[in-house]
Amino acid sequence: MFESVAYAMGTPQAGAAPASGTDMLVQFVPLILMFVIFYFLLIRPQQKRAKAHKQMLSELKRGDHVITSSGLLGRILEISDEEALIECGEAKLRISRGAIGGVIDPKAPAAEEKK
């Protein structure tokens, strides 16, 4: 019963055309398209943020008000190539320069004061 179906399908040796170069290219188009989408949506924006953060870290100076990656707010008292001494209220903290998340404006009102 099923013998006729098996013969009808044929095999690549029995006359089916071998895969050509254009068929392989068509198979890789979705992969190439996915890579392009990932590049523009994920990789490129992350590289831009990293470049902006590196530039911000290189422009830090004494007296800047900063926020650390852990959320502490403070003012830079001393800064070197690897570390920064920041003043957080009464405490003085020595942190890694890379742990500084951003520069803030000390004159900007806090979120609580806006309410």
PDB file of N, CA and C in Angstrom:
ATOM      1  N   MET A   1       0.817  -1.194   0.000  1.00  0.00           N
ATOM      2  CA  MET A   1       0.000   0.000   0.000  1.00  0.00           C
ATOM      3  C   MET A   1       0.860   1.258   0.000  1.00  0.00           C
ATOM      4  N   PHE A   2       1.870   1.343   0.867  1.00  0.00           N
ATOM      5  CA  PHE A   2       2.679   2.550   0.976  1.00  0.00           C
ATOM      6  C   PHE A   2       3.878   2.555   0.034  1.00  0.00           C
ATOM      7  N   GLU A   3       4.107   1.470  -0.658  1.00  0.00           N
ATOM      8  CA  GLU A   3       5.257   1.395  -1.544  1.00  0.00           C
ATOM      9  C   GLU A   3       5.171   2.421  -2.669  1.00  0.00           C
ATOM     10  N   SER A   4       3.994   2.669  -3.177  1.00  0.00           N
ATOM     11  CA  SER A   4       3.846   3.602  -4.286  1.00  0.00           C
ATOM     12  C   SER A   4       4.126   5.031  -3.835  1.00  0.00           C
ATOM     13  N   VAL A   5       3.782   5.373  -2.598  1.00  0.00           N
ATOM     14  CA  VAL A   5       4.048   6.711  -2.080  1.00  0.00           C
ATOM     15  C   VAL A   5       5.542   6.919  -1.923  1.00  0.00           C
ATOM     16  N   ALA A   6       6.241   5.915  -1.447  1.00  0.00           N
ATOM     17  CA  ALA A   6       7.678   6.023  -1.264  1.00  0.00           C
ATOM     18  C   ALA A   6       8.383   6.197  -2.588  1.00  0.00           C
ATOM     19  N   TYR A   7       7.950   5.519  -3.612  1.00  0.00           N
ATOM     20  CA  TYR A   7       8.584   5.672  -4.918  1.00  0.00           C
ATOM     21  C   TYR A   7       8.252   7.037  -5.541  1.00  0.00           C
ATOM     22  N   ALA A   8       7.094   7.551  -5.247  1.00  0.00           N
ATOM     23  CA  ALA A   8       6.675   8.824  -5.836  1.00  0.00           C
ATOM     24  C   ALA A   8       7.469   9.999  -5.277  1.00  0.00           C
ATOM     25  N   MET A   9       7.909   9.892  -4.036  1.00  0.00           N
ATOM     26  CA  MET A   9       8.646  11.001  -3.423  1.00  0.00           C
ATOM     27  C   MET A   9      10.007  11.185  -4.075  1.00  0.00           C
ATOM     28  N   GLY A  10      10.652  10.156  -4.443  1.00  0.00           N
ATOM     29  CA  GLY A  10      11.939  10.240  -5.107  1.00  0.00           C
ATOM     30  C   GLY A  10      13.058  10.599  -4.144  1.00  0.00           C
ATOM     31  N   THR A  11      14.263  10.560  -4.603  1.00  0.00           N
ATOM     32  CA  THR A  11      15.433  10.909  -3.814  1.00  0.00           C
ATOM     33  C   THR A  11      16.267  11.882  -4.612  1.00  0.00           C
ATOM     34  N   PRO A  12      17.206  12.598  -3.968  1.00  0.00           N
ATOM     35  CA  PRO A  12      18.048  13.518  -4.729  1.00  0.00           C
ATOM     36  C   PRO A  12      18.835  12.804  -5.825  1.00  0.00           C
ATOM     37  N   GLN A  13      19.167  11.524  -5.632  1.00  0.00           N
ATOM     38  CA  GLN A  13      19.915  10.802  -6.654  1.00  0.00           C
ATOM     39  C   GLN A  13      19.004  10.403  -7.811  1.00  0.00           C
ATOM     40  N   ALA A  14      17.715  10.417  -7.550  1.00  0.00           N
ATOM     41  CA  ALA A  14      16.783   9.937  -8.572  1.00  0.00           C
ATOM     42  C   ALA A  14      16.233  11.076  -9.427  1.00  0.00           C
ATOM     43  N   GLY A  15      16.976  12.165  -9.562  1.00  0.00           N
ATOM     44  CA  GLY A  15      16.542  13.196 -10.485  1.00  0.00           C
ATOM     45  C   GLY A  15      16.223  14.535  -9.853  1.00  0.00           C
ATOM     46  N   ALA A  16      16.244  14.677  -8.527  1.00  0.00           N
ATOM     47  CA  ALA A  16      15.995  15.977  -7.898  1.00  0.00           C
ATOM     48  C   ALA A  16      17.206  16.868  -8.122  1.00  0.00           C
ATOM     49  N   ALA A  17      16.984  18.161  -8.265  1.00  0.00           N
ATOM     50  CA  ALA A  17      18.079  19.099  -8.555  1.00  0.00           C
ATOM     51  C   ALA A  17      18.910  19.338  -7.293  1.00  0.00           C
ATOM     52  N   PRO A  18      20.231  19.400  -7.404  1.00  0.00           N
ATOM     53  CA  PRO A  18      21.062  19.692  -6.232  1.00  0.00           C
ATOM     54  C   PRO A  18      20.869  21.151  -5.786  1.00  0.00           C
ATOM     55  N   ALA A  19      21.168  21.409  -4.514  1.00  0.00           N
ATOM     56  CA  ALA A  19      21.003  22.765  -3.970  1.00  0.00           C
ATOM     57  C   ALA A  19      21.982  23.708  -4.656  1.00  0.00           C
ATOM     58  N   SER A  20      21.476  24.824  -5.108  1.00  0.00           N
ATOM     59  CA  SER A  20      22.336  25.792  -5.786  1.00  0.00           C
ATOM     60  C   SER A  20      22.784  26.880  -4.807  1.00  0.00           C
ATOM     61  N   GLY A  21      23.660  27.762  -5.267  1.00  0.00           N
ATOM     62  CA  GLY A  21      24.174  28.838  -4.416  1.00  0.00           C
ATOM     63  C   GLY A  21      23.097  29.826  -4.015  1.00  0.00           C
ATOM     64  N   THR A  22      22.140  30.090  -4.891  1.00  0.00           N
ATOM     65  CA  THR A  22      21.077  31.034  -4.541  1.00  0.00           C
ATOM     66  C   THR A  22      20.154  30.458  -3.480  1.00  0.00           C
ATOM     67  N   ASP A  23      19.947  29.141  -3.498  1.00  0.00           N
ATOM     68  CA  ASP A  23      19.125  28.518  -2.458  1.00  0.00           C
ATOM     69  C   ASP A  23      19.781  28.668  -1.092  1.00  0.00           C
ATOM     70  N   MET A  24      21.090  28.515  -1.039  1.00  0.00           N
ATOM     71  CA  MET A  24      21.797  28.675   0.236  1.00  0.00           C
ATOM     72  C   MET A  24      21.726  30.117   0.708  1.00  0.00           C
ATOM     73  N   LEU A  25      21.829  31.066  -0.212  1.00  0.00           N
ATOM     74  CA  LEU A  25      21.741  32.475   0.152  1.00  0.00           C
ATOM     75  C   LEU A  25      20.363  32.804   0.716  1.00  0.00           C
ATOM     76  N   VAL A  26      19.325  32.252   0.101  1.00  0.00           N
ATOM     77  CA  VAL A  26      17.957  32.475   0.578  1.00  0.00           C
ATOM     78  C   VAL A  26      17.787  31.902   1.984  1.00  0.00           C
ATOM     79  N   GLN A  27      18.470  30.812   2.286  1.00  0.00           N
ATOM     80  CA  GLN A  27      18.379  30.220   3.611  1.00  0.00           C
ATOM     81  C   GLN A  27      19.061  31.104   4.663  1.00  0.00           C
ATOM     82  N   PHE A  28      20.116  31.839   4.285  1.00  0.00           N
ATOM     83  CA  PHE A  28      20.842  32.674   5.242  1.00  0.00           C
ATOM     84  C   PHE A  28      20.254  34.076   5.395  1.00  0.00           C
ATOM     85  N   VAL A  29      19.351  34.476   4.528  1.00  0.00           N
ATOM     86  CA  VAL A  29      18.764  35.816   4.608  1.00  0.00           C
ATOM     87  C   VAL A  29      18.087  36.062   5.958  1.00  0.00           C
ATOM     88  N   PRO A  30      17.278  35.145   6.497  1.00  0.00           N
ATOM     89  CA  PRO A  30      16.677  35.407   7.808  1.00  0.00           C
ATOM     90  C   PRO A  30      17.719  35.584   8.924  1.00  0.00           C
ATOM     91  N   LEU A  31      18.800  34.810   8.877  1.00  0.00           N
ATOM     92  CA  LEU A  31      19.844  34.949   9.893  1.00  0.00           C
ATOM     93  C   LEU A  31      20.539  36.305   9.782  1.00  0.00           C
ATOM     94  N   ILE A  32      20.825  36.720   8.560  1.00  0.00           N
ATOM     95  CA  ILE A  32      21.463  38.018   8.349  1.00  0.00           C
ATOM     96  C   ILE A  32      20.528  39.132   8.790  1.00  0.00           C
ATOM     97  N   LEU A  33      19.258  39.013   8.466  1.00  0.00           N
ATOM     98  CA  LEU A  33      18.270  40.009   8.864  1.00  0.00           C
ATOM     99  C   LEU A  33      18.155  40.097  10.387  1.00  0.00           C
ATOM    100  N   MET A  34      18.172  38.958  11.081  1.00  0.00           N
ATOM    101  CA  MET A  34      18.111  38.967  12.545  1.00  0.00           C
ATOM    102  C   MET A  34      19.342  39.636  13.134  1.00  0.00           C
ATOM    103  N   PHE A  35      20.528  39.384  12.567  1.00  0.00           N
ATOM    104  CA  PHE A  35      21.738  40.020  13.070  1.00  0.00           C
ATOM    105  C   PHE A  35      21.672  41.532  12.895  1.00  0.00           C
ATOM    106  N   VAL A  36      21.184  41.992  11.752  1.00  0.00           N
ATOM    107  CA  VAL A  36      21.061  43.434  11.505  1.00  0.00           C
ATOM    108  C   VAL A  36      20.096  44.064  12.500  1.00  0.00           C
ATOM    109  N   ILE A  37      18.977  43.412  12.767  1.00  0.00           N
ATOM    110  CA  ILE A  37      18.005  43.934  13.735  1.00  0.00           C
ATOM    111  C   ILE A  37      18.616  43.989  15.128  1.00  0.00           C
ATOM    112  N   PHE A  38      19.303  42.922  15.552  1.00  0.00           N
ATOM    113  CA  PHE A  38      19.954  42.920  16.863  1.00  0.00           C
ATOM    114  C   PHE A  38      21.003  44.018  16.954  1.00  0.00           C
ATOM    115  N   TYR A  39      21.728  44.247  15.876  1.00  0.00           N
ATOM    116  CA  TYR A  39      22.761  45.283  15.896  1.00  0.00           C
ATOM    117  C   TYR A  39      22.151  46.650  16.139  1.00  0.00           C
ATOM    118  N   PHE A  40      21.118  46.992  15.400  1.00  0.00           N
ATOM    119  CA  PHE A  40      20.548  48.331  15.516  1.00  0.00           C
ATOM    120  C   PHE A  40      19.681  48.513  16.759  1.00  0.00           C
ATOM    121  N   LEU A  41      19.091  47.451  17.277  1.00  0.00           N
ATOM    122  CA  LEU A  41      18.226  47.589  18.446  1.00  0.00           C
ATOM    123  C   LEU A  41      18.925  47.321  19.771  1.00  0.00           C
ATOM    124  N   LEU A  42      19.999  46.534  19.776  1.00  0.00           N
ATOM    125  CA  LEU A  42      20.644  46.169  21.039  1.00  0.00           C
ATOM    126  C   LEU A  42      22.099  46.596  21.124  1.00  0.00           C
ATOM    127  N   ILE A  43      22.897  46.199  20.168  1.00  0.00           N
ATOM    128  CA  ILE A  43      24.345  46.396  20.271  1.00  0.00           C
ATOM    129  C   ILE A  43      24.729  47.861  20.128  1.00  0.00           C
ATOM    130  N   ARG A  44      24.236  48.524  19.098  1.00  0.00           N
ATOM    131  CA  ARG A  44      24.616  49.920  18.838  1.00  0.00           C
ATOM    132  C   ARG A  44      24.198  50.865  19.964  1.00  0.00           C
ATOM    133  N   PRO A  45      22.953  50.803  20.485  1.00  0.00           N
ATOM    134  CA  PRO A  45      22.600  51.693  21.602  1.00  0.00           C
ATOM    135  C   PRO A  45      23.441  51.446  22.852  1.00  0.00           C
ATOM    136  N   GLN A  46      23.783  50.187  23.118  1.00  0.00           N
ATOM    137  CA  GLN A  46      24.605  49.892  24.288  1.00  0.00           C
ATOM    138  C   GLN A  46      26.000  50.475  24.119  1.00  0.00           C
ATOM    139  N   GLN A  47      26.554  50.405  22.924  1.00  0.00           N
ATOM    140  CA  GLN A  47      27.870  50.994  22.672  1.00  0.00           C
ATOM    141  C   GLN A  47      27.824  52.513  22.835  1.00  0.00           C
ATOM    142  N   LYS A  48      26.735  53.147  22.415  1.00  0.00           N
ATOM    143  CA  LYS A  48      26.608  54.597  22.568  1.00  0.00           C
ATOM    144  C   LYS A  48      26.541  54.977  24.051  1.00  0.00           C
ATOM    145  N   ARG A  49      25.762  54.211  24.842  1.00  0.00           N
ATOM    146  CA  ARG A  49      25.673  54.492  26.285  1.00  0.00           C
ATOM    147  C   ARG A  49      27.022  54.306  26.959  1.00  0.00           C
ATOM    148  N   ALA A  50      27.737  53.245  26.599  1.00  0.00           N
ATOM    149  CA  ALA A  50      29.051  52.994  27.193  1.00  0.00           C
ATOM    150  C   ALA A  50      30.025  54.107  26.839  1.00  0.00           C
ATOM    151  N   LYS A  51      29.975  54.590  25.617  1.00  0.00           N
ATOM    152  CA  LYS A  51      30.858  55.680  25.194  1.00  0.00           C
ATOM    153  C   LYS A  51      30.527  56.970  25.953  1.00  0.00           C
ATOM    154  N   ALA A  52      29.232  57.266  26.120  1.00  0.00           N
ATOM    155  CA  ALA A  52      28.827  58.466  26.860  1.00  0.00           C
ATOM    156  C   ALA A  52      29.231  58.364  28.329  1.00  0.00           C
ATOM    157  N   HIS A  53      29.102  57.179  28.939  1.00  0.00           N
ATOM    158  CA  HIS A  53      29.486  56.989  30.342  1.00  0.00           C
ATOM    159  C   HIS A  53      30.989  57.155  30.517  1.00  0.00           C
ATOM    160  N   LYS A  54      31.759  56.613  29.579  1.00  0.00           N
ATOM    161  CA  LYS A  54      33.217  56.741  29.645  1.00  0.00           C
ATOM    162  C   LYS A  54      33.638  58.204  29.517  1.00  0.00           C
ATOM    163  N   GLN A  55      32.977  58.941  28.637  1.00  0.00           N
ATOM    164  CA  GLN A  55      33.283  60.358  28.482  1.00  0.00           C
ATOM    165  C   GLN A  55      32.918  61.130  29.746  1.00  0.00           C
ATOM    166  N   MET A  56      31.762  60.806  30.352  1.00  0.00           N
ATOM    167  CA  MET A  56      31.347  61.465  31.595  1.00  0.00           C
ATOM    168  C   MET A  56      32.363  61.202  32.696  1.00  0.00           C
ATOM    169  N   LEU A  57      32.864  59.963  32.791  1.00  0.00           N
ATOM    170  CA  LEU A  57      33.853  59.645  33.823  1.00  0.00           C
ATOM    171  C   LEU A  57      35.161  60.396  33.602  1.00  0.00           C
ATOM    172  N   SER A  58      35.530  60.605  32.355  1.00  0.00           N
ATOM    173  CA  SER A  58      36.781  61.318  32.081  1.00  0.00           C
ATOM    174  C   SER A  58      36.667  62.814  32.364  1.00  0.00           C
ATOM    175  N   GLU A  59      35.443  63.349  32.371  1.00  0.00           N
ATOM    176  CA  GLU A  59      35.242  64.779  32.594  1.00  0.00           C
ATOM    177  C   GLU A  59      34.932  65.127  34.050  1.00  0.00           C
ATOM    178  N   LEU A  60      34.946  64.141  34.953  1.00  0.00           N
ATOM    179  CA  LEU A  60      34.651  64.421  36.357  1.00  0.00           C
ATOM    180  C   LEU A  60      35.738  65.309  36.957  1.00  0.00           C
ATOM    181  N   LYS A  61      35.301  66.196  37.861  1.00  0.00           N
ATOM    182  CA  LYS A  61      36.262  67.063  38.533  1.00  0.00           C
ATOM    183  C   LYS A  61      35.823  67.258  39.975  1.00  0.00           C
ATOM    184  N   ARG A  62      36.693  67.835  40.742  1.00  0.00           N
ATOM    185  CA  ARG A  62      36.423  68.089  42.147  1.00  0.00           C
ATOM    186  C   ARG A  62      35.258  69.058  42.270  1.00  0.00           C
ATOM    187  N   GLY A  63      34.321  68.754  43.176  1.00  0.00           N
ATOM    188  CA  GLY A  63      33.166  69.607  43.413  1.00  0.00           C
ATOM    189  C   GLY A  63      31.918  69.178  42.671  1.00  0.00           C
ATOM    190  N   ASP A  64      32.025  68.255  41.725  1.00  0.00           N
ATOM    191  CA  ASP A  64      30.837  67.766  41.010  1.00  0.00           C
ATOM    192  C   ASP A  64      29.951  66.970  41.957  1.00  0.00           C
ATOM    193  N   HIS A  65      28.659  67.129  41.804  1.00  0.00           N
ATOM    194  CA  HIS A  65      27.694  66.330  42.556  1.00  0.00           C
ATOM    195  C   HIS A  65      27.352  65.119  41.698  1.00  0.00           C
ATOM    196  N   VAL A  66      27.478  63.939  42.283  1.00  0.00           N
ATOM    197  CA  VAL A  66      27.313  62.696  41.532  1.00  0.00           C
ATOM    198  C   VAL A  66      26.346  61.764  42.228  1.00  0.00           C
ATOM    199  N   ILE A  67      25.863  60.802  41.456  1.00  0.00           N
ATOM    200  CA  ILE A  67      25.092  59.695  42.000  1.00  0.00           C
ATOM    201  C   ILE A  67      25.845  58.424  41.632  1.00  0.00           C
ATOM    202  N   THR A  68      25.999  57.533  42.594  1.00  0.00           N
ATOM    203  CA  THR A  68      26.718  56.289  42.338  1.00  0.00           C
ATOM    204  C   THR A  68      25.765  55.262  41.743  1.00  0.00           C
ATOM    205  N   SER A  69      26.311  54.177  41.246  1.00  0.00           N
ATOM    206  CA  SER A  69      25.475  53.124  40.672  1.00  0.00           C
ATOM    207  C   SER A  69      24.605  52.454  41.732  1.00  0.00           C
ATOM    208  N   SER A  70      24.977  52.596  43.010  1.00  0.00           N
ATOM    209  CA  SER A  70      24.159  52.032  44.086  1.00  0.00           C
ATOM    210  C   SER A  70      23.132  53.026  44.613  1.00  0.00           C
ATOM    211  N   GLY A  71      23.143  54.262  44.106  1.00  0.00           N
ATOM    212  CA  GLY A  71      22.124  55.230  44.476  1.00  0.00           C
ATOM    213  C   GLY A  71      22.546  56.256  45.505  1.00  0.00           C
ATOM    214  N   LEU A  72      23.800  56.261  45.929  1.00  0.00           N
ATOM    215  CA  LEU A  72      24.258  57.255  46.894  1.00  0.00           C
ATOM    216  C   LEU A  72      24.520  58.585  46.183  1.00  0.00           C
ATOM    217  N   LEU A  73      24.108  59.663  46.827  1.00  0.00           N
ATOM    218  CA  LEU A  73      24.354  60.999  46.301  1.00  0.00           C
ATOM    219  C   LEU A  73      25.490  61.625  47.082  1.00  0.00           C
ATOM    220  N   GLY A  74      26.366  62.322  46.401  1.00  0.00           N
ATOM    221  CA  GLY A  74      27.485  62.951  47.092  1.00  0.00           C
ATOM    222  C   GLY A  74      28.201  63.958  46.224  1.00  0.00           C
ATOM    223  N   ARG A  75      29.188  64.588  46.840  1.00  0.00           N
ATOM    224  CA  ARG A  75      30.014  65.586  46.161  1.00  0.00           C
ATOM    225  C   ARG A  75      31.443  65.081  46.145  1.00  0.00           C
ATOM    226  N   ILE A  76      32.120  65.232  45.013  1.00  0.00           N
ATOM    227  CA  ILE A  76      33.488  64.742  44.883  1.00  0.00           C
ATOM    228  C   ILE A  76      34.441  65.666  45.630  1.00  0.00           C
ATOM    229  N   LEU A  77      35.209  65.078  46.561  1.00  0.00           N
ATOM    230  CA  LEU A  77      36.232  65.833  47.276  1.00  0.00           C
ATOM    231  C   LEU A  77      37.594  65.663  46.617  1.00  0.00           C
ATOM    232  N   GLU A  78      37.927  64.439  46.242  1.00  0.00           N
ATOM    233  CA  GLU A  78      39.193  64.136  45.566  1.00  0.00           C
ATOM    234  C   GLU A  78      38.895  63.118  44.476  1.00  0.00           C
ATOM    235  N   ILE A  79      39.672  63.185  43.417  1.00  0.00           N
ATOM    236  CA  ILE A  79      39.487  62.212  42.338  1.00  0.00           C
ATOM    237  C   ILE A  79      40.840  61.864  41.745  1.00  0.00           C
ATOM    238  N   SER A  80      41.035  60.563  41.486  1.00  0.00           N
ATOM    239  CA  SER A  80      42.266  60.096  40.836  1.00  0.00           C
ATOM    240  C   SER A  80      41.859  59.236  39.646  1.00  0.00           C
ATOM    241  N   ASP A  81      42.832  58.577  39.038  1.00  0.00           N
ATOM    242  CA  ASP A  81      42.531  57.752  37.867  1.00  0.00           C
ATOM    243  C   ASP A  81      41.644  56.556  38.201  1.00  0.00           C
ATOM    244  N   GLU A  82      41.775  56.007  39.398  1.00  0.00           N
ATOM    245  CA  GLU A  82      41.051  54.800  39.760  1.00  0.00           C
ATOM    246  C   GLU A  82      39.960  55.009  40.809  1.00  0.00           C
ATOM    247  N   GLU A  83      40.120  56.000  41.689  1.00  0.00           N
ATOM    248  CA  GLU A  83      39.206  56.165  42.817  1.00  0.00           C
ATOM    249  C   GLU A  83      38.715  57.596  42.926  1.00  0.00           C
ATOM    250  N   ALA A  84      37.640  57.734  43.686  1.00  0.00           N
ATOM    251  CA  ALA A  84      37.113  59.059  43.997  1.00  0.00           C
ATOM    252  C   ALA A  84      36.705  59.057  45.472  1.00  0.00           C
ATOM    253  N   LEU A  85      36.952  60.172  46.132  1.00  0.00           N
ATOM    254  CA  LEU A  85      36.504  60.365  47.514  1.00  0.00           C
ATOM    255  C   LEU A  85      35.298  61.270  47.442  1.00  0.00           C
ATOM    256  N   ILE A  86      34.149  60.746  47.872  1.00  0.00           N
ATOM    257  CA  ILE A  86      32.941  61.560  47.835  1.00  0.00           C
ATOM    258  C   ILE A  86      32.427  61.776  49.242  1.00  0.00           C
ATOM    259  N   GLU A  87      31.770  62.894  49.410  1.00  0.00           N
ATOM    260  CA  GLU A  87      31.172  63.255  50.689  1.00  0.00           C
ATOM    261  C   GLU A  87      29.676  63.023  50.580  1.00  0.00           C
ATOM    262  N   CYS A  88      29.170  62.124  51.428  1.00  0.00           N
ATOM    263  CA  CYS A  88      27.734  61.815  51.484  1.00  0.00           C
ATOM    264  C   CYS A  88      27.246  62.208  52.872  1.00  0.00           C
ATOM    265  N   GLY A  89      26.705  63.401  52.995  1.00  0.00           N
ATOM    266  CA  GLY A  89      26.271  63.880  54.300  1.00  0.00           C
ATOM    267  C   GLY A  89      27.479  64.085  55.192  1.00  0.00           C
ATOM    268  N   GLU A  90      27.555  63.360  56.288  1.00  0.00           N
ATOM    269  CA  GLU A  90      28.673  63.456  57.209  1.00  0.00           C
ATOM    270  C   GLU A  90      29.783  62.459  56.874  1.00  0.00           C
ATOM    271  N   ALA A  91      29.485  61.501  56.042  1.00  0.00           N
ATOM    272  CA  ALA A  91      30.439  60.429  55.733  1.00  0.00           C
ATOM    273  C   ALA A  91      31.265  60.771  54.500  1.00  0.00           C
ATOM    274  N   LYS A  92      32.494  60.272  54.500  1.00  0.00           N
ATOM    275  CA  LYS A  92      33.365  60.375  53.331  1.00  0.00           C
ATOM    276  C   LYS A  92      33.622  58.958  52.841  1.00  0.00           C
ATOM    277  N   LEU A  93      33.311  58.724  51.594  1.00  0.00           N
ATOM    278  CA  LEU A  93      33.417  57.383  51.026  1.00  0.00           C
ATOM    279  C   LEU A  93      34.424  57.368  49.891  1.00  0.00           C
ATOM    280  N   ARG A  94      35.286  56.357  49.889  1.00  0.00           N
ATOM    281  CA  ARG A  94      36.220  56.171  48.788  1.00  0.00           C
ATOM    282  C   ARG A  94      35.632  55.072  47.901  1.00  0.00           C
ATOM    283  N   ILE A  95      35.332  55.438  46.665  1.00  0.00           N
ATOM    284  CA  ILE A  95      34.703  54.493  45.747  1.00  0.00           C
ATOM    285  C   ILE A  95      35.507  54.394  44.459  1.00  0.00           C
ATOM    286  N   SER A  96      35.255  53.355  43.725  1.00  0.00           N
ATOM    287  CA  SER A  96      35.867  53.198  42.411  1.00  0.00           C
ATOM    288  C   SER A  96      35.279  54.238  41.468  1.00  0.00           C
ATOM    289  N   ARG A  97      36.096  54.746  40.587  1.00  0.00           N
ATOM    290  CA  ARG A  97      35.628  55.777  39.656  1.00  0.00           C
ATOM    291  C   ARG A  97      34.523  55.218  38.743  1.00  0.00           C
ATOM    292  N   GLY A  98      34.603  53.953  38.411  1.00  0.00           N
ATOM    293  CA  GLY A  98      33.597  53.336  37.562  1.00  0.00           C
ATOM    294  C   GLY A  98      32.250  53.149  38.230  1.00  0.00           C
ATOM    295  N   ALA A  99      32.200  53.276  39.568  1.00  0.00           N
ATOM    296  CA  ALA A  99      30.947  53.117  40.295  1.00  0.00           C
ATOM    297  C   ALA A  99      30.100  54.380  40.261  1.00  0.00           C
ATOM    298  N   ILE A 100      30.615  55.437  39.667  1.00  0.00           N
ATOM    299  CA  ILE A 100      29.846  56.673  39.559  1.00  0.00           C
ATOM    300  C   ILE A 100      28.903  56.524  38.377  1.00  0.00           C
ATOM    301  N   GLY A 101      27.616  56.656  38.664  1.00  0.00           N
ATOM    302  CA  GLY A 101      26.602  56.449  37.634  1.00  0.00           C
ATOM    303  C   GLY A 101      26.308  57.669  36.805  1.00  0.00           C
ATOM    304  N   GLY A 102      26.452  58.852  37.384  1.00  0.00           N
ATOM    305  CA  GLY A 102      26.154  60.052  36.627  1.00  0.00           C
ATOM    306  C   GLY A 102      26.380  61.305  37.444  1.00  0.00           C
ATOM    307  N   VAL A 103      26.387  62.431  36.750  1.00  0.00           N
ATOM    308  CA  VAL A 103      26.523  63.741  37.381  1.00  0.00           C
ATOM    309  C   VAL A 103      25.125  64.312  37.517  1.00  0.00           C
ATOM    310  N   ILE A 104      24.824  64.897  38.682  1.00  0.00           N
ATOM    311  CA  ILE A 104      23.497  65.469  38.911  1.00  0.00           C
ATOM    312  C   ILE A 104      23.618  66.963  39.159  1.00  0.00           C
ATOM    313  N   ASP A 105      22.515  67.657  39.002  1.00  0.00           N
ATOM    314  CA  ASP A 105      22.455  69.090  39.260  1.00  0.00           C
ATOM    315  C   ASP A 105      22.021  69.281  40.714  1.00  0.00           C
ATOM    316  N   PRO A 106      22.861  69.874  41.553  1.00  0.00           N
ATOM    317  CA  PRO A 106      22.502  70.013  42.970  1.00  0.00           C
ATOM    318  C   PRO A 106      21.371  71.024  43.181  1.00  0.00           C
ATOM    319  N   LYS A 107      21.124  71.880  42.215  1.00  0.00           N
ATOM    320  CA  LYS A 107      20.091  72.911  42.366  1.00  0.00           C
ATOM    321  C   LYS A 107      18.717  72.415  41.971  1.00  0.00           C
ATOM    322  N   ALA A 108      18.651  71.259  41.311  1.00  0.00           N
ATOM    323  CA  ALA A 108      17.369  70.708  40.909  1.00  0.00           C
ATOM    324  C   ALA A 108      16.597  70.235  42.137  1.00  0.00           C
ATOM    325  N   PRO A 109      15.323  70.564  42.214  1.00  0.00           N
ATOM    326  CA  PRO A 109      14.547  70.145  43.384  1.00  0.00           C
ATOM    327  C   PRO A 109      14.364  68.632  43.390  1.00  0.00           C
ATOM    328  N   ALA A 110      14.321  68.080  44.582  1.00  0.00           N
ATOM    329  CA  ALA A 110      14.133  66.628  44.728  1.00  0.00           C
ATOM    330  C   ALA A 110      12.691  66.273  44.363  1.00  0.00           C
ATOM    331  N   ALA A 111      12.448  65.024  44.101  1.00  0.00           N
ATOM    332  CA  ALA A 111      11.118  64.567  43.701  1.00  0.00           C
ATOM    333  C   ALA A 111      10.103  64.819  44.807  1.00  0.00           C
ATOM    334  N   GLU A 112      10.520  64.720  46.073  1.00  0.00           N
ATOM    335  CA  GLU A 112       9.614  64.939  47.195  1.00  0.00           C
ATOM    336  C   GLU A 112       9.206  66.409  47.303  1.00  0.00           C
ATOM    337  N   GLU A 113      10.116  67.306  46.974  1.00  0.00           N
ATOM    338  CA  GLU A 113       9.828  68.722  47.071  1.00  0.00           C
ATOM    339  C   GLU A 113       8.865  69.169  45.980  1.00  0.00           C
ATOM    340  N   LYS A 114       8.808  68.460  44.856  1.00  0.00           N
ATOM    341  CA  LYS A 114       7.912  68.812  43.766  1.00  0.00           C
ATOM    342  C   LYS A 114       6.467  68.580  44.141  1.00  0.00           C
ATOM    343  N   LYS A 115       6.234  67.602  44.991  1.00  0.00           N
ATOM    344  CA  LYS A 115       4.861  67.268  45.403  1.00  0.00           C
ATOM    345  C   LYS A 115       4.415  68.278  46.395  1.00  0.00           C
TER     346      LYS A 115
END
